[in-house]
Amino acid sequence: MKISELKNQIKKEIIEILSEESVESSNPEELAAKTTALQAFNTELTKTRDIAQDLSEDEDQEASKSDLKKIEDEGETAISNKMQETAAELKKELSKWKKSEGDEKEKHLKRLKELTKIKQELESML
């Protein structure tokens, strides 16, 4: 039974009991008996709530573990994709560097160094 269904069932039961019972009864013995019964019912409800919370916490922990795994997998995929993009850009910059001269060559060399640092950081993340 789902937690929401359990909560709804308990609410309905409480409403039924409260609507059936009226505190207008003038007999003290009846009131004492009803009070005792309601206290016992309240104790059972508390136990049920605690059990439902424990189940909910277990489900939350399982869900969060699976969510973390998905995020981790997606992260590795994103890092891998970024590494491939960086490697392709490195190849392009290298070919430009080989063809260039003077200040252009220095500009491409600087970019190659930046891309190399990025690639090393991505590799360390995997």
Protein backbone atom coordinates (compact mmCIF):
# COMPACT_ATOMS: atom_id res chain seq x y z
CA MET A 1 0.00 0.00 0.00
CA LYS A 2 1.33 3.40 -0.92
CA ILE A 3 1.92 6.00 1.75
CA SER A 4 -0.57 8.42 0.23
CA GLU A 5 -3.24 5.70 0.17
CA LEU A 6 -2.49 4.85 3.78
CA LYS A 7 -2.79 8.52 4.81
CA ASN A 8 -6.10 8.87 2.99
CA GLN A 9 -7.47 5.73 4.60
CA ILE A 10 -6.47 6.92 8.06
CA LYS A 11 -8.04 10.34 7.47
CA LYS A 12 -11.29 8.74 6.32
CA GLU A 13 -11.35 6.49 9.35
CA ILE A 14 -10.78 9.38 11.74
CA ILE A 15 -13.49 11.45 10.08
CA GLU A 16 -15.95 8.55 10.28
CA ILE A 17 -15.23 7.95 13.94
CA LEU A 18 -15.47 11.62 14.83
CA SER A 19 -18.66 12.14 12.86
CA GLU A 20 -20.32 9.10 14.46
CA GLU A 21 -19.31 10.00 17.97
CA SER A 22 -20.71 12.98 19.73
CA VAL A 23 -19.28 14.41 22.88
CA GLU A 24 -22.75 15.51 23.92
CA SER A 25 -23.25 12.26 25.81
CA SER A 26 -23.81 13.03 29.44
CA ASN A 27 -22.83 9.58 30.71
CA PRO A 28 -19.29 9.82 32.20
CA GLU A 29 -18.71 6.07 31.90
CA GLU A 30 -19.37 6.16 28.15
CA LEU A 31 -17.07 9.14 27.78
CA ALA A 32 -14.29 7.36 29.71
CA ALA A 33 -14.67 4.23 27.58
CA LYS A 34 -14.64 6.25 24.35
CA THR A 35 -11.63 8.25 25.52
CA THR A 36 -9.73 5.05 26.28
CA ALA A 37 -10.63 3.61 22.89
CA LEU A 38 -9.57 6.81 21.13
CA GLN A 39 -6.27 6.84 23.02
CA ALA A 40 -5.59 3.26 21.92
CA PHE A 41 -6.52 4.18 18.36
CA ASN A 42 -4.24 7.21 18.52
CA THR A 43 -1.37 4.98 19.69
CA GLU A 44 -1.93 2.65 16.74
CA LEU A 45 -2.02 5.61 14.37
CA THR A 46 1.27 6.85 15.76
CA LYS A 47 2.85 3.43 15.21
CA THR A 48 1.48 3.33 11.66
CA ARG A 49 2.82 6.83 10.93
CA ASP A 50 6.28 5.85 12.22
CA ILE A 51 6.32 2.74 10.04
CA ALA A 52 5.21 4.75 7.02
CA GLN A 53 7.96 7.31 7.65
CA ASP A 54 10.57 4.55 7.90
CA LEU A 55 9.37 3.10 4.60
CA SER A 56 9.40 6.54 3.02
CA GLU A 57 12.98 7.16 4.19
CA ASP A 58 14.10 3.82 2.76
CA GLU A 59 12.47 4.63 -0.59
CA ASP A 60 14.05 8.10 -0.57
CA GLN A 61 17.50 6.63 0.10
CA GLU A 62 17.10 4.11 -2.72
CA ALA A 63 15.90 6.83 -5.08
CA SER A 64 18.74 9.15 -4.18
CA LYS A 65 21.29 6.37 -4.78
CA SER A 66 19.89 5.70 -8.23
CA ASP A 67 19.73 9.44 -8.95
CA LEU A 68 23.37 9.82 -7.97
CA LYS A 69 24.32 6.94 -10.25
CA LYS A 70 22.45 8.56 -13.16
CA ILE A 71 24.11 11.92 -12.52
CA GLU A 72 27.49 10.22 -12.26
CA ASP A 73 26.91 8.38 -15.54
CA GLU A 74 25.71 11.55 -17.25
CA GLY A 75 28.71 13.42 -15.86
CA GLU A 76 31.13 10.85 -17.23
CA THR A 77 29.41 10.99 -20.60
CA ALA A 78 29.57 14.78 -20.65
CA ILE A 79 33.25 14.74 -19.67
CA SER A 80 33.99 12.14 -22.32
CA ASN A 81 32.19 14.22 -24.97
CA LYS A 82 34.05 17.35 -23.90
CA MET A 83 37.36 15.45 -24.13
CA GLN A 84 36.54 14.39 -27.67
CA GLU A 85 35.68 17.96 -28.63
CA THR A 86 38.89 19.22 -27.04
CA ALA A 87 40.97 16.59 -28.85
CA ALA A 88 39.41 17.59 -32.19
CA GLU A 89 40.10 21.25 -31.48
CA LEU A 90 43.67 20.39 -30.51
CA LYS A 91 44.19 18.71 -33.88
CA LYS A 92 42.81 21.73 -35.74
CA GLU A 93 44.97 24.14 -33.75
CA LEU A 94 48.03 21.97 -34.32
CA SER A 95 47.52 22.01 -38.08
CA LYS A 96 47.03 25.80 -37.97
CA TRP A 97 50.17 26.15 -35.83
CA LYS A 98 52.21 24.13 -38.32
CA LYS A 99 51.07 26.33 -41.21
CA SER A 100 51.45 29.68 -39.45
CA GLU A 101 54.49 31.92 -38.88
CA GLY A 102 55.57 34.62 -36.40
CA ASP A 103 52.88 36.11 -34.15
CA GLU A 104 50.23 33.76 -35.57
CA LYS A 105 52.36 30.79 -34.55
CA GLU A 106 52.66 32.15 -30.98
CA LYS A 107 48.90 32.73 -30.83
CA HIS A 108 48.19 29.13 -31.87
CA LEU A 109 50.86 27.83 -29.46
CA LYS A 110 49.17 29.67 -26.59
CA ARG A 111 45.81 28.15 -27.57
CA LEU A 112 47.39 24.69 -27.80
CA LYS A 113 48.71 25.07 -24.25
CA GLU A 114 45.26 26.13 -23.01
CA LEU A 115 43.60 23.17 -24.72
CA THR A 116 46.22 20.79 -23.31
CA LYS A 117 45.47 22.03 -19.77
CA ILE A 118 41.74 21.56 -20.36
CA LYS A 119 42.30 18.05 -21.68
CA GLN A 120 44.45 17.12 -18.66
CA GLU A 121 41.78 18.43 -16.26
CA LEU A 122 39.11 16.43 -18.03
CA GLU A 123 41.25 13.28 -17.90
CA SER A 124 41.77 13.75 -14.15
CA MET A 125 37.99 14.03 -13.70
CA LEU A 126 37.46 10.60 -15.22
